[in-house]
Amino acid sequence: MNEKLPFVCANCGAGIAVPPQGTMNRNHCPSCLYSLHVDHRIGDRLSVCRGIMEPVGIWVRDNGEWAILHRCRKCGIIRANRIAGDDNALALQILAMRPVSGFSTGAAGLSGAADFITVRGRNL
């Protein structure tokens, strides 16, 4: 996904236009909040996985900014992505109220999940 080009959401099929003014990132669908696993390191578009990234939670950064936690359905990696100005507000609120323990973690389970969480290019 290129943040500056229109795309079709791999999850819900919505057509996504160029980001509106004031939206710095467009790496996920503003309707369903799903994304694609395209980066090995943030922004490089070198991942060979290409799995669908499911929104599994909200992370509130130290500065109060919200980020969506996405988990790849194919490989299990978890990444944080900034919310965008045109994201579905109700979907964000529902996601924020979802308990983290309630999302599926696949065969790996929650043990070792911190090894897969990447924020700003580094593992937590």
PDB file of N, CA and C in Angstrom:
ATOM      1  N   MET A   1       0.836  -1.170   0.000  1.00  0.00           N
ATOM      2  CA  MET A   1       0.000   0.000   0.000  1.00  0.00           C
ATOM      3  C   MET A   1       0.885   1.239   0.000  1.00  0.00           C
ATOM      4  N   ASN A   2       0.694   2.120  -0.939  1.00  0.00           N
ATOM      5  CA  ASN A   2       1.406   3.392  -0.947  1.00  0.00           C
ATOM      6  C   ASN A   2       0.485   4.420  -0.318  1.00  0.00           C
ATOM      7  N   GLU A   3       0.962   5.144   0.701  1.00  0.00           N
ATOM      8  CA  GLU A   3       0.124   6.082   1.451  1.00  0.00           C
ATOM      9  C   GLU A   3      -0.452   7.197   0.596  1.00  0.00           C
ATOM     10  N   LYS A   4       0.100   7.445  -0.584  1.00  0.00           N
ATOM     11  CA  LYS A   4      -0.343   8.568  -1.396  1.00  0.00           C
ATOM     12  C   LYS A   4      -1.191   8.146  -2.606  1.00  0.00           C
ATOM     13  N   LEU A   5      -1.378   6.853  -2.838  1.00  0.00           N
ATOM     14  CA  LEU A   5      -2.142   6.372  -3.987  1.00  0.00           C
ATOM     15  C   LEU A   5      -3.469   5.755  -3.543  1.00  0.00           C
ATOM     16  N   PRO A   6      -4.511   5.882  -4.381  1.00  0.00           N
ATOM     17  CA  PRO A   6      -5.784   5.221  -4.068  1.00  0.00           C
ATOM     18  C   PRO A   6      -5.591   3.694  -4.065  1.00  0.00           C
ATOM     19  N   PHE A   7      -6.429   2.975  -3.296  1.00  0.00           N
ATOM     20  CA  PHE A   7      -6.351   1.519  -3.269  1.00  0.00           C
ATOM     21  C   PHE A   7      -7.716   0.944  -2.913  1.00  0.00           C
ATOM     22  N   VAL A   8      -7.856  -0.363  -3.088  1.00  0.00           N
ATOM     23  CA  VAL A   8      -9.068  -1.083  -2.701  1.00  0.00           C
ATOM     24  C   VAL A   8      -8.722  -1.911  -1.472  1.00  0.00           C
ATOM     25  N   CYS A   9      -9.534  -1.797  -0.424  1.00  0.00           N
ATOM     26  CA  CYS A   9      -9.282  -2.526   0.822  1.00  0.00           C
ATOM     27  C   CYS A   9      -9.368  -4.035   0.584  1.00  0.00           C
ATOM     28  N   ALA A  10      -8.337  -4.759   1.014  1.00  0.00           N
ATOM     29  CA  ALA A  10      -8.298  -6.211   0.863  1.00  0.00           C
ATOM     30  C   ALA A  10      -9.289  -6.910   1.783  1.00  0.00           C
ATOM     31  N   ASN A  11      -9.767  -6.214   2.811  1.00  0.00           N
ATOM     32  CA  ASN A  11     -10.716  -6.817   3.748  1.00  0.00           C
ATOM     33  C   ASN A  11     -12.167  -6.545   3.358  1.00  0.00           C
ATOM     34  N   CYS A  12     -12.550  -5.280   3.223  1.00  0.00           N
ATOM     35  CA  CYS A  12     -13.964  -4.948   2.992  1.00  0.00           C
ATOM     36  C   CYS A  12     -14.278  -4.537   1.560  1.00  0.00           C
ATOM     37  N   GLY A  13     -13.254  -4.324   0.733  1.00  0.00           N
ATOM     38  CA  GLY A  13     -13.469  -3.972  -0.665  1.00  0.00           C
ATOM     39  C   GLY A  13     -13.774  -2.514  -0.925  1.00  0.00           C
ATOM     40  N   ALA A  14     -13.712  -1.677   0.096  1.00  0.00           N
ATOM     41  CA  ALA A  14     -13.983  -0.246  -0.095  1.00  0.00           C
ATOM     42  C   ALA A  14     -12.887   0.385  -0.945  1.00  0.00           C
ATOM     43  N   GLY A  15     -13.296   1.306  -1.820  1.00  0.00           N
ATOM     44  CA  GLY A  15     -12.336   2.074  -2.599  1.00  0.00           C
ATOM     45  C   GLY A  15     -11.847   3.239  -1.768  1.00  0.00           C
ATOM     46  N   ILE A  16     -10.540   3.363  -1.603  1.00  0.00           N
ATOM     47  CA  ILE A  16      -9.956   4.385  -0.746  1.00  0.00           C
ATOM     48  C   ILE A  16      -9.233   5.402  -1.621  1.00  0.00           C
ATOM     49  N   ALA A  17      -9.651   6.653  -1.511  1.00  0.00           N
ATOM     50  CA  ALA A  17      -9.068   7.734  -2.307  1.00  0.00           C
ATOM     51  C   ALA A  17      -7.802   8.265  -1.650  1.00  0.00           C
ATOM     52  N   VAL A  18      -7.203   9.227  -2.292  1.00  0.00           N
ATOM     53  CA  VAL A  18      -6.025   9.910  -1.755  1.00  0.00           C
ATOM     54  C   VAL A  18      -6.390  10.493  -0.390  1.00  0.00           C
ATOM     55  N   PRO A  19      -5.481  10.461   0.585  1.00  0.00           N
ATOM     56  CA  PRO A  19      -5.792  10.984   1.924  1.00  0.00           C
ATOM     57  C   PRO A  19      -6.230  12.439   1.886  1.00  0.00           C
ATOM     58  N   PRO A  20      -7.206  12.794   2.713  1.00  0.00           N
ATOM     59  CA  PRO A  20      -7.635  14.193   2.775  1.00  0.00           C
ATOM     60  C   PRO A  20      -6.572  15.066   3.423  1.00  0.00           C
ATOM     61  N   GLN A  21      -6.704  16.353   3.222  1.00  0.00           N
ATOM     62  CA  GLN A  21      -5.783  17.317   3.829  1.00  0.00           C
ATOM     63  C   GLN A  21      -5.748  17.098   5.341  1.00  0.00           C
ATOM     64  N   GLY A  22      -4.573  17.090   5.923  1.00  0.00           N
ATOM     65  CA  GLY A  22      -4.430  16.928   7.362  1.00  0.00           C
ATOM     66  C   GLY A  22      -4.243  15.478   7.787  1.00  0.00           C
ATOM     67  N   THR A  23      -4.324  14.554   6.843  1.00  0.00           N
ATOM     68  CA  THR A  23      -4.110  13.144   7.144  1.00  0.00           C
ATOM     69  C   THR A  23      -2.725  12.774   6.649  1.00  0.00           C
ATOM     70  N   MET A  24      -1.810  12.519   7.583  1.00  0.00           N
ATOM     71  CA  MET A  24      -0.424  12.244   7.210  1.00  0.00           C
ATOM     72  C   MET A  24      -0.243  10.829   6.669  1.00  0.00           C
ATOM     73  N   ASN A  25      -0.968   9.880   7.206  1.00  0.00           N
ATOM     74  CA  ASN A  25      -0.782   8.481   6.831  1.00  0.00           C
ATOM     75  C   ASN A  25      -2.050   7.908   6.228  1.00  0.00           C
ATOM     76  N   ARG A  26      -1.891   7.059   5.267  1.00  0.00           N
ATOM     77  CA  ARG A  26      -3.013   6.276   4.763  1.00  0.00           C
ATOM     78  C   ARG A  26      -2.480   4.875   4.489  1.00  0.00           C
ATOM     79  N   ASN A  27      -2.257   4.131   5.552  1.00  0.00           N
ATOM     80  CA  ASN A  27      -1.752   2.777   5.413  1.00  0.00           C
ATOM     81  C   ASN A  27      -2.770   1.749   5.897  1.00  0.00           C
ATOM     82  N   HIS A  28      -4.027   2.193   6.045  1.00  0.00           N
ATOM     83  CA  HIS A  28      -5.097   1.283   6.431  1.00  0.00           C
ATOM     84  C   HIS A  28      -6.415   1.844   5.912  1.00  0.00           C
ATOM     85  N   CYS A  29      -7.428   0.997   5.873  1.00  0.00           N
ATOM     86  CA  CYS A  29      -8.751   1.380   5.388  1.00  0.00           C
ATOM     87  C   CYS A  29      -9.450   2.243   6.445  1.00  0.00           C
ATOM     88  N   PRO A  30      -9.970   3.412   6.066  1.00  0.00           N
ATOM     89  CA  PRO A  30     -10.647   4.260   7.049  1.00  0.00           C
ATOM     90  C   PRO A  30     -12.012   3.707   7.468  1.00  0.00           C
ATOM     91  N   SER A  31     -12.543   2.753   6.712  1.00  0.00           N
ATOM     92  CA  SER A  31     -13.853   2.173   7.045  1.00  0.00           C
ATOM     93  C   SER A  31     -13.734   1.041   8.047  1.00  0.00           C
ATOM     94  N   CYS A  32     -12.947   0.004   7.712  1.00  0.00           N
ATOM     95  CA  CYS A  32     -12.853  -1.180   8.580  1.00  0.00           C
ATOM     96  C   CYS A  32     -11.560  -1.214   9.395  1.00  0.00           C
ATOM     97  N   LEU A  33     -10.614  -0.311   9.102  1.00  0.00           N
ATOM     98  CA  LEU A  33      -9.343  -0.140   9.813  1.00  0.00           C
ATOM     99  C   LEU A  33      -8.321  -1.238   9.536  1.00  0.00           C
ATOM    100  N   TYR A  34      -8.594  -2.154   8.588  1.00  0.00           N
ATOM    101  CA  TYR A  34      -7.638  -3.210   8.239  1.00  0.00           C
ATOM    102  C   TYR A  34      -6.518  -2.637   7.389  1.00  0.00           C
ATOM    103  N   SER A  35      -5.397  -3.342   7.335  1.00  0.00           N
ATOM    104  CA  SER A  35      -4.225  -2.918   6.588  1.00  0.00           C
ATOM    105  C   SER A  35      -3.617  -4.143   5.904  1.00  0.00           C
ATOM    106  N   LEU A  36      -2.474  -3.976   5.263  1.00  0.00           N
ATOM    107  CA  LEU A  36      -1.708  -5.079   4.678  1.00  0.00           C
ATOM    108  C   LEU A  36      -0.301  -5.072   5.251  1.00  0.00           C
ATOM    109  N   HIS A  37       0.263  -6.258   5.426  1.00  0.00           N
ATOM    110  CA  HIS A  37       1.637  -6.385   5.913  1.00  0.00           C
ATOM    111  C   HIS A  37       2.572  -6.236   4.717  1.00  0.00           C
ATOM    112  N   VAL A  38       2.981  -4.998   4.443  1.00  0.00           N
ATOM    113  CA  VAL A  38       3.836  -4.721   3.290  1.00  0.00           C
ATOM    114  C   VAL A  38       5.242  -4.279   3.688  1.00  0.00           C
ATOM    115  N   ASP A  39       5.448  -3.897   4.941  1.00  0.00           N
ATOM    116  CA  ASP A  39       6.756  -3.397   5.374  1.00  0.00           C
ATOM    117  C   ASP A  39       7.511  -4.421   6.207  1.00  0.00           C
ATOM    118  N   HIS A  40       8.823  -4.545   5.902  1.00  0.00           N
ATOM    119  CA  HIS A  40       9.715  -5.288   6.792  1.00  0.00           C
ATOM    120  C   HIS A  40      10.130  -4.345   7.913  1.00  0.00           C
ATOM    121  N   ARG A  41      10.585  -3.170   7.526  1.00  0.00           N
ATOM    122  CA  ARG A  41      10.823  -2.062   8.443  1.00  0.00           C
ATOM    123  C   ARG A  41       9.876  -0.954   8.005  1.00  0.00           C
ATOM    124  N   ILE A  42       9.415  -0.163   8.930  1.00  0.00           N
ATOM    125  CA  ILE A  42       8.377   0.827   8.656  1.00  0.00           C
ATOM    126  C   ILE A  42       8.736   1.681   7.435  1.00  0.00           C
ATOM    127  N   GLY A  43       7.840   1.639   6.441  1.00  0.00           N
ATOM    128  CA  GLY A  43       7.966   2.451   5.240  1.00  0.00           C
ATOM    129  C   GLY A  43       8.756   1.854   4.088  1.00  0.00           C
ATOM    130  N   ASP A  44       9.400   0.683   4.276  1.00  0.00           N
ATOM    131  CA  ASP A  44      10.267   0.173   3.212  1.00  0.00           C
ATOM    132  C   ASP A  44       9.548  -0.648   2.136  1.00  0.00           C
ATOM    133  N   ARG A  45       8.334  -1.116   2.399  1.00  0.00           N
ATOM    134  CA  ARG A  45       7.523  -1.900   1.459  1.00  0.00           C
ATOM    135  C   ARG A  45       8.235  -3.162   0.980  1.00  0.00           C
ATOM    136  N   LEU A  46       9.093  -3.758   1.827  1.00  0.00           N
ATOM    137  CA  LEU A  46       9.892  -4.915   1.441  1.00  0.00           C
ATOM    138  C   LEU A  46       9.420  -6.239   2.036  1.00  0.00           C
ATOM    139  N   SER A  47       8.313  -6.256   2.767  1.00  0.00           N
ATOM    140  CA  SER A  47       7.840  -7.511   3.358  1.00  0.00           C
ATOM    141  C   SER A  47       7.365  -8.457   2.263  1.00  0.00           C
ATOM    142  N   VAL A  48       7.745  -9.714   2.382  1.00  0.00           N
ATOM    143  CA  VAL A  48       7.265 -10.722   1.437  1.00  0.00           C
ATOM    144  C   VAL A  48       5.974 -11.367   1.933  1.00  0.00           C
ATOM    145  N   CYS A  49       5.567 -11.056   3.151  1.00  0.00           N
ATOM    146  CA  CYS A  49       4.382 -11.666   3.759  1.00  0.00           C
ATOM    147  C   CYS A  49       3.099 -11.282   3.018  1.00  0.00           C
ATOM    148  N   ARG A  50       2.804 -10.003   2.930  1.00  0.00           N
ATOM    149  CA  ARG A  50       1.617  -9.448   2.275  1.00  0.00           C
ATOM    150  C   ARG A  50       0.303  -9.932   2.887  1.00  0.00           C
ATOM    151  N   GLY A  51       0.336 -10.346   4.156  1.00  0.00           N
ATOM    152  CA  GLY A  51      -0.880 -10.798   4.840  1.00  0.00           C
ATOM    153  C   GLY A  51      -1.789  -9.639   5.218  1.00  0.00           C
ATOM    154  N   ILE A  52      -3.037  -9.947   5.514  1.00  0.00           N
ATOM    155  CA  ILE A  52      -3.993  -8.940   5.972  1.00  0.00           C
ATOM    156  C   ILE A  52      -3.719  -8.646   7.436  1.00  0.00           C
ATOM    157  N   MET A  53      -3.621  -7.350   7.754  1.00  0.00           N
ATOM    158  CA  MET A  53      -3.361  -6.904   9.115  1.00  0.00           C
ATOM    159  C   MET A  53      -4.686  -6.525   9.767  1.00  0.00           C
ATOM    160  N   GLU A  54      -5.074  -7.276  10.784  1.00  0.00           N
ATOM    161  CA  GLU A  54      -6.337  -7.056  11.486  1.00  0.00           C
ATOM    162  C   GLU A  54      -6.149  -6.056  12.622  1.00  0.00           C
ATOM    163  N   PRO A  55      -7.049  -5.068  12.754  1.00  0.00           N
ATOM    164  CA  PRO A  55      -6.951  -4.166  13.900  1.00  0.00           C
ATOM    165  C   PRO A  55      -7.353  -4.919  15.167  1.00  0.00           C
ATOM    166  N   VAL A  56      -6.466  -4.931  16.167  1.00  0.00           N
ATOM    167  CA  VAL A  56      -6.730  -5.710  17.375  1.00  0.00           C
ATOM    168  C   VAL A  56      -6.779  -4.864  18.639  1.00  0.00           C
ATOM    169  N   GLY A  57      -6.400  -3.603  18.545  1.00  0.00           N
ATOM    170  CA  GLY A  57      -6.436  -2.759  19.734  1.00  0.00           C
ATOM    171  C   GLY A  57      -6.000  -1.345  19.426  1.00  0.00           C
ATOM    172  N   ILE A  58      -6.081  -0.512  20.430  1.00  0.00           N
ATOM    173  CA  ILE A  58      -5.651   0.883  20.348  1.00  0.00           C
ATOM    174  C   ILE A  58      -4.543   1.094  21.363  1.00  0.00           C
ATOM    175  N   TRP A  59      -3.527   1.806  20.954  1.00  0.00           N
ATOM    176  CA  TRP A  59      -2.434   2.186  21.835  1.00  0.00           C
ATOM    177  C   TRP A  59      -2.445   3.707  21.920  1.00  0.00           C
ATOM    178  N   VAL A  60      -2.484   4.252  23.119  1.00  0.00           N
ATOM    179  CA  VAL A  60      -2.416   5.701  23.303  1.00  0.00           C
ATOM    180  C   VAL A  60      -0.975   6.035  23.655  1.00  0.00           C
ATOM    181  N   ARG A  61      -0.343   6.777  22.764  1.00  0.00           N
ATOM    182  CA  ARG A  61       1.064   7.135  22.948  1.00  0.00           C
ATOM    183  C   ARG A  61       1.217   8.157  24.070  1.00  0.00           C
ATOM    184  N   ASP A  62       2.439   8.360  24.507  1.00  0.00           N
ATOM    185  CA  ASP A  62       2.731   9.299  25.596  1.00  0.00           C
ATOM    186  C   ASP A  62       2.198  10.702  25.324  1.00  0.00           C
ATOM    187  N   ASN A  63       2.172  11.109  24.052  1.00  0.00           N
ATOM    188  CA  ASN A  63       1.697  12.443  23.693  1.00  0.00           C
ATOM    189  C   ASN A  63       0.178  12.502  23.520  1.00  0.00           C
ATOM    190  N   GLY A  64      -0.523  11.393  23.800  1.00  0.00           N
ATOM    191  CA  GLY A  64      -1.974  11.337  23.697  1.00  0.00           C
ATOM    192  C   GLY A  64      -2.499  10.902  22.338  1.00  0.00           C
ATOM    193  N   GLU A  65      -1.602  10.785  21.353  1.00  0.00           N
ATOM    194  CA  GLU A  65      -2.013  10.361  20.021  1.00  0.00           C
ATOM    195  C   GLU A  65      -2.390   8.874  20.027  1.00  0.00           C
ATOM    196  N   TRP A  66      -3.457   8.550  19.297  1.00  0.00           N
ATOM    197  CA  TRP A  66      -3.902   7.163  19.195  1.00  0.00           C
ATOM    198  C   TRP A  66      -3.204   6.465  18.028  1.00  0.00           C
ATOM    199  N   ALA A  67      -2.890   5.193  18.224  1.00  0.00           N
ATOM    200  CA  ALA A  67      -2.364   4.343  17.160  1.00  0.00           C
ATOM    201  C   ALA A  67      -3.156   3.043  17.173  1.00  0.00           C
ATOM    202  N   ILE A  68      -3.385   2.496  15.995  1.00  0.00           N
ATOM    203  CA  ILE A  68      -4.083   1.210  15.868  1.00  0.00           C
ATOM    204  C   ILE A  68      -3.043   0.110  15.928  1.00  0.00           C
ATOM    205  N   LEU A  69      -3.274  -0.889  16.768  1.00  0.00           N
ATOM    206  CA  LEU A  69      -2.426  -2.075  16.780  1.00  0.00           C
ATOM    207  C   LEU A  69      -2.999  -3.057  15.764  1.00  0.00           C
ATOM    208  N   HIS A  70      -2.175  -3.418  14.775  1.00  0.00           N
ATOM    209  CA  HIS A  70      -2.575  -4.371  13.738  1.00  0.00           C
ATOM    210  C   HIS A  70      -1.790  -5.661  13.933  1.00  0.00           C
ATOM    211  N   ARG A  71      -2.468  -6.795  13.769  1.00  0.00           N
ATOM    212  CA  ARG A  71      -1.823  -8.104  13.844  1.00  0.00           C
ATOM    213  C   ARG A  71      -1.993  -8.803  12.503  1.00  0.00           C
ATOM    214  N   CYS A  72      -0.893  -9.268  11.937  1.00  0.00           N
ATOM    215  CA  CYS A  72      -0.938  -9.953  10.649  1.00  0.00           C
ATOM    216  C   CYS A  72      -1.560 -11.331  10.823  1.00  0.00           C
ATOM    217  N   ARG A  73      -2.590 -11.610  10.032  1.00  0.00           N
ATOM    218  CA  ARG A  73      -3.261 -12.910  10.099  1.00  0.00           C
ATOM    219  C   ARG A  73      -2.390 -14.031   9.546  1.00  0.00           C
ATOM    220  N   LYS A  74      -1.396 -13.683   8.758  1.00  0.00           N
ATOM    221  CA  LYS A  74      -0.551 -14.691   8.118  1.00  0.00           C
ATOM    222  C   LYS A  74       0.664 -15.058   8.976  1.00  0.00           C
ATOM    223  N   CYS A  75       1.404 -14.047   9.448  1.00  0.00           N
ATOM    224  CA  CYS A  75       2.646 -14.336  10.175  1.00  0.00           C
ATOM    225  C   CYS A  75       2.585 -13.988  11.663  1.00  0.00           C
ATOM    226  N   GLY A  76       1.582 -13.214  12.088  1.00  0.00           N
ATOM    227  CA  GLY A  76       1.406 -12.910  13.500  1.00  0.00           C
ATOM    228  C   GLY A  76       2.079 -11.654  14.010  1.00  0.00           C
ATOM    229  N   ILE A  77       2.877 -10.970  13.187  1.00  0.00           N
ATOM    230  CA  ILE A  77       3.548  -9.754  13.662  1.00  0.00           C
ATOM    231  C   ILE A  77       2.507  -8.712  14.062  1.00  0.00           C
ATOM    232  N   ILE A  78       2.820  -7.917  15.075  1.00  0.00           N
ATOM    233  CA  ILE A  78       1.934  -6.847  15.539  1.00  0.00           C
ATOM    234  C   ILE A  78       2.658  -5.523  15.319  1.00  0.00           C
ATOM    235  N   ARG A  79       1.963  -4.581  14.695  1.00  0.00           N
ATOM    236  CA  ARG A  79       2.535  -3.266  14.409  1.00  0.00           C
ATOM    237  C   ARG A  79       1.580  -2.175  14.854  1.00  0.00           C
ATOM    238  N   ALA A  80       2.117  -1.022  15.200  1.00  0.00           N
ATOM    239  CA  ALA A  80       1.315   0.145  15.553  1.00  0.00           C
ATOM    240  C   ALA A  80       1.313   1.111  14.378  1.00  0.00           C
ATOM    241  N   ASN A  81       0.121   1.604  14.020  1.00  0.00           N
ATOM    242  CA  ASN A  81      -0.032   2.564  12.939  1.00  0.00           C
ATOM    243  C   ASN A  81      -0.855   3.746  13.420  1.00  0.00           C
ATOM    244  N   ARG A  82      -0.414   4.959  13.089  1.00  0.00           N
ATOM    245  CA  ARG A  82      -1.143   6.168  13.473  1.00  0.00           C
ATOM    246  C   ARG A  82      -2.552   6.134  12.907  1.00  0.00           C
ATOM    247  N   ILE A  83      -3.495   6.670  13.677  1.00  0.00           N
ATOM    248  CA  ILE A  83      -4.839   6.815  13.129  1.00  0.00           C
ATOM    249  C   ILE A  83      -4.812   7.952  12.117  1.00  0.00           C
ATOM    250  N   ALA A  84      -5.815   7.981  11.245  1.00  0.00           N
ATOM    251  CA  ALA A  84      -5.915   9.035  10.235  1.00  0.00           C
ATOM    252  C   ALA A  84      -7.144   9.875  10.529  1.00  0.00           C
ATOM    253  N   GLY A  85      -7.143  11.108  10.046  1.00  0.00           N
ATOM    254  CA  GLY A  85      -8.217  12.055  10.325  1.00  0.00           C
ATOM    255  C   GLY A  85      -9.580  11.619   9.835  1.00  0.00           C
ATOM    256  N   ASP A  86      -9.625  10.751   8.822  1.00  0.00           N
ATOM    257  CA  ASP A  86     -10.916  10.313   8.282  1.00  0.00           C
ATOM    258  C   ASP A  86     -11.278   8.889   8.684  1.00  0.00           C
ATOM    259  N   ASP A  87     -10.576   8.328   9.685  1.00  0.00           N
ATOM    260  CA  ASP A  87     -10.920   6.976  10.164  1.00  0.00           C
ATOM    261  C   ASP A  87     -12.319   6.960  10.764  1.00  0.00           C
ATOM    262  N   ASN A  88     -12.980   5.834  10.639  1.00  0.00           N
ATOM    263  CA  ASN A  88     -14.326   5.627  11.179  1.00  0.00           C
ATOM    264  C   ASN A  88     -14.263   5.770  12.704  1.00  0.00           C
ATOM    265  N   ALA A  89     -14.844   6.850  13.224  1.00  0.00           N
ATOM    266  CA  ALA A  89     -14.773   7.150  14.661  1.00  0.00           C
ATOM    267  C   ALA A  89     -15.425   6.060  15.501  1.00  0.00           C
ATOM    268  N   LEU A  90     -16.555   5.531  15.045  1.00  0.00           N
ATOM    269  CA  LEU A  90     -17.227   4.471  15.807  1.00  0.00           C
ATOM    270  C   LEU A  90     -16.371   3.208  15.838  1.00  0.00           C
ATOM    271  N   ALA A  91     -15.762   2.848  14.702  1.00  0.00           N
ATOM    272  CA  ALA A  91     -14.891   1.666  14.663  1.00  0.00           C
ATOM    273  C   ALA A  91     -13.704   1.834  15.605  1.00  0.00           C
ATOM    274  N   LEU A  92     -13.137   3.051  15.668  1.00  0.00           N
ATOM    275  CA  LEU A  92     -12.028   3.313  16.592  1.00  0.00           C
ATOM    276  C   LEU A  92     -12.473   3.176  18.048  1.00  0.00           C
ATOM    277  N   GLN A  93     -13.653   3.704  18.378  1.00  0.00           N
ATOM    278  CA  GLN A  93     -14.155   3.616  19.754  1.00  0.00           C
ATOM    279  C   GLN A  93     -14.424   2.170  20.153  1.00  0.00           C
ATOM    280  N   ILE A  94     -15.022   1.415  19.251  1.00  0.00           N
ATOM    281  CA  ILE A  94     -15.286  -0.007  19.535  1.00  0.00           C
ATOM    282  C   ILE A  94     -13.973  -0.746  19.738  1.00  0.00           C
ATOM    283  N   LEU A  95     -12.989  -0.463  18.877  1.00  0.00           N
ATOM    284  CA  LEU A  95     -11.681  -1.104  19.001  1.00  0.00           C
ATOM    285  C   LEU A  95     -11.010  -0.738  20.324  1.00  0.00           C
ATOM    286  N   ALA A  96     -11.145   0.512  20.736  1.00  0.00           N
ATOM    287  CA  ALA A  96     -10.535   0.969  21.985  1.00  0.00           C
ATOM    288  C   ALA A  96     -11.157   0.286  23.202  1.00  0.00           C
ATOM    289  N   MET A  97     -12.407  -0.115  23.093  1.00  0.00           N
ATOM    290  CA  MET A  97     -13.082  -0.768  24.228  1.00  0.00           C
ATOM    291  C   MET A  97     -12.876  -2.280  24.244  1.00  0.00           C
ATOM    292  N   ARG A  98     -12.327  -2.830  23.190  1.00  0.00           N
ATOM    293  CA  ARG A  98     -12.107  -4.278  23.108  1.00  0.00           C
ATOM    294  C   ARG A  98     -10.950  -4.678  24.015  1.00  0.00           C
ATOM    295  N   PRO A  99     -11.147  -5.669  24.860  1.00  0.00           N
ATOM    296  CA  PRO A  99     -10.031  -6.114  25.712  1.00  0.00           C
ATOM    297  C   PRO A  99      -8.952  -6.782  24.869  1.00  0.00           C
ATOM    298  N   VAL A 100      -7.698  -6.453  25.116  1.00  0.00           N
ATOM    299  CA  VAL A 100      -6.583  -7.011  24.357  1.00  0.00           C
ATOM    300  C   VAL A 100      -6.547  -8.521  24.475  1.00  0.00           C
ATOM    301  N   SER A 101      -6.928  -9.063  25.624  1.00  0.00           N
ATOM    302  CA  SER A 101      -6.896 -10.510  25.802  1.00  0.00           C
ATOM    303  C   SER A 101      -7.916 -11.222  24.929  1.00  0.00           C
ATOM    304  N   GLY A 102      -8.839 -10.471  24.321  1.00  0.00           N
ATOM    305  CA  GLY A 102      -9.882 -11.090  23.525  1.00  0.00           C
ATOM    306  C   GLY A 102      -9.524 -11.351  22.084  1.00  0.00           C
ATOM    307  N   PHE A 103      -8.355 -10.883  21.593  1.00  0.00           N
ATOM    308  CA  PHE A 103      -8.069 -11.129  20.183  1.00  0.00           C
ATOM    309  C   PHE A 103      -7.309 -12.432  20.000  1.00  0.00           C
ATOM    310  N   SER A 104      -7.570 -13.074  18.859  1.00  0.00           N
ATOM    311  CA  SER A 104      -6.941 -14.346  18.540  1.00  0.00           C
ATOM    312  C   SER A 104      -5.462 -14.133  18.247  1.00  0.00           C
ATOM    313  N   THR A 105      -4.631 -14.992  18.795  1.00  0.00           N
ATOM    314  CA  THR A 105      -3.201 -14.866  18.563  1.00  0.00           C
ATOM    315  C   THR A 105      -2.653 -16.033  17.759  1.00  0.00           C
ATOM    316  N   GLY A 106      -3.514 -16.873  17.250  1.00  0.00           N
ATOM    317  CA  GLY A 106      -3.055 -17.992  16.440  1.00  0.00           C
ATOM    318  C   GLY A 106      -2.349 -19.040  17.276  1.00  0.00           C
ATOM    319  N   ALA A 107      -1.555 -19.862  16.612  1.00  0.00           N
ATOM    320  CA  ALA A 107      -0.905 -20.993  17.267  1.00  0.00           C
ATOM    321  C   ALA A 107       0.111 -20.565  18.316  1.00  0.00           C
ATOM    322  N   ALA A 108       0.714 -19.387  18.141  1.00  0.00           N
ATOM    323  CA  ALA A 108       1.758 -18.938  19.059  1.00  0.00           C
ATOM    324  C   ALA A 108       1.211 -18.560  20.427  1.00  0.00           C
ATOM    325  N   GLY A 109      -0.070 -18.200  20.513  1.00  0.00           N
ATOM    326  CA  GLY A 109      -0.638 -17.762  21.772  1.00  0.00           C
ATOM    327  C   GLY A 109      -0.036 -16.441  22.210  1.00  0.00           C
ATOM    328  N   LEU A 110      -0.361 -16.000  23.399  1.00  0.00           N
ATOM    329  CA  LEU A 110       0.154 -14.723  23.881  1.00  0.00           C
ATOM    330  C   LEU A 110       1.597 -14.806  24.346  1.00  0.00           C
ATOM    331  N   SER A 111       2.090 -16.014  24.663  1.00  0.00           N
ATOM    332  CA  SER A 111       3.470 -16.103  25.116  1.00  0.00           C
ATOM    333  C   SER A 111       4.399 -15.685  23.986  1.00  0.00           C
ATOM    334  N   GLY A 112       5.279 -14.766  24.285  1.00  0.00           N
ATOM    335  CA  GLY A 112       6.215 -14.276  23.291  1.00  0.00           C
ATOM    336  C   GLY A 112       5.646 -13.219  22.370  1.00  0.00           C
ATOM    337  N   ALA A 113       4.411 -12.771  22.612  1.00  0.00           N
ATOM    338  CA  ALA A 113       3.795 -11.788  21.720  1.00  0.00           C
ATOM    339  C   ALA A 113       4.594 -10.499  21.684  1.00  0.00           C
ATOM    340  N   ALA A 114       5.236 -10.129  22.789  1.00  0.00           N
ATOM    341  CA  ALA A 114       6.014  -8.890  22.816  1.00  0.00           C
ATOM    342  C   ALA A 114       7.169  -8.930  21.824  1.00  0.00           C
ATOM    343  N   ASP A 115       7.640 -10.132  21.476  1.00  0.00           N
ATOM    344  CA  ASP A 115       8.721 -10.250  20.505  1.00  0.00           C
ATOM    345  C   ASP A 115       8.299  -9.768  19.122  1.00  0.00           C
ATOM    346  N   PHE A 116       6.976  -9.733  18.855  1.00  0.00           N
ATOM    347  CA  PHE A 116       6.484  -9.382  17.535  1.00  0.00           C
ATOM    348  C   PHE A 116       5.946  -7.966  17.448  1.00  0.00           C
ATOM    349  N   ILE A 117       5.878  -7.250  18.554  1.00  0.00           N
ATOM    350  CA  ILE A 117       5.331  -5.894  18.530  1.00  0.00           C
ATOM    351  C   ILE A 117       6.428  -4.935  18.105  1.00  0.00           C
ATOM    352  N   THR A 118       6.180  -4.217  17.005  1.00  0.00           N
ATOM    353  CA  THR A 118       7.147  -3.264  16.480  1.00  0.00           C
ATOM    354  C   THR A 118       6.558  -1.879  16.515  1.00  0.00           C
ATOM    355  N   VAL A 119       7.239  -0.961  17.130  1.00  0.00           N
ATOM    356  CA  VAL A 119       6.804   0.422  17.201  1.00  0.00           C
ATOM    357  C   VAL A 119       7.962   1.292  16.780  1.00  0.00           C
ATOM    358  N   ARG A 120       7.709   2.154  15.800  1.00  0.00           N
ATOM    359  CA  ARG A 120       8.744   3.064  15.296  1.00  0.00           C
ATOM    360  C   ARG A 120      10.023   2.326  14.918  1.00  0.00           C
ATOM    361  N   GLY A 121       9.869   1.183  14.254  1.00  0.00           N
ATOM    362  CA  GLY A 121      11.009   0.455  13.716  1.00  0.00           C
ATOM    363  C   GLY A 121      11.782  -0.371  14.718  1.00  0.00           C
ATOM    364  N   ARG A 122      11.314  -0.458  15.955  1.00  0.00           N
ATOM    365  CA  ARG A 122      12.038  -1.282  16.920  1.00  0.00           C
ATOM    366  C   ARG A 122      11.054  -2.183  17.645  1.00  0.00           C
ATOM    367  N   ASN A 123      11.537  -3.326  18.082  1.00  0.00           N
ATOM    368  CA  ASN A 123      10.685  -4.254  18.822  1.00  0.00           C
ATOM    369  C   ASN A 123      10.551  -3.799  20.267  1.00  0.00           C
ATOM    370  N   LEU A 124       9.355  -4.009  20.817  1.00  0.00           N
ATOM    371  CA  LEU A 124       9.139  -3.703  22.230  1.00  0.00           C
ATOM    372  C   LEU A 124       9.524  -4.882  23.084  1.00  0.00           C
TER     373      LEU A 124
END
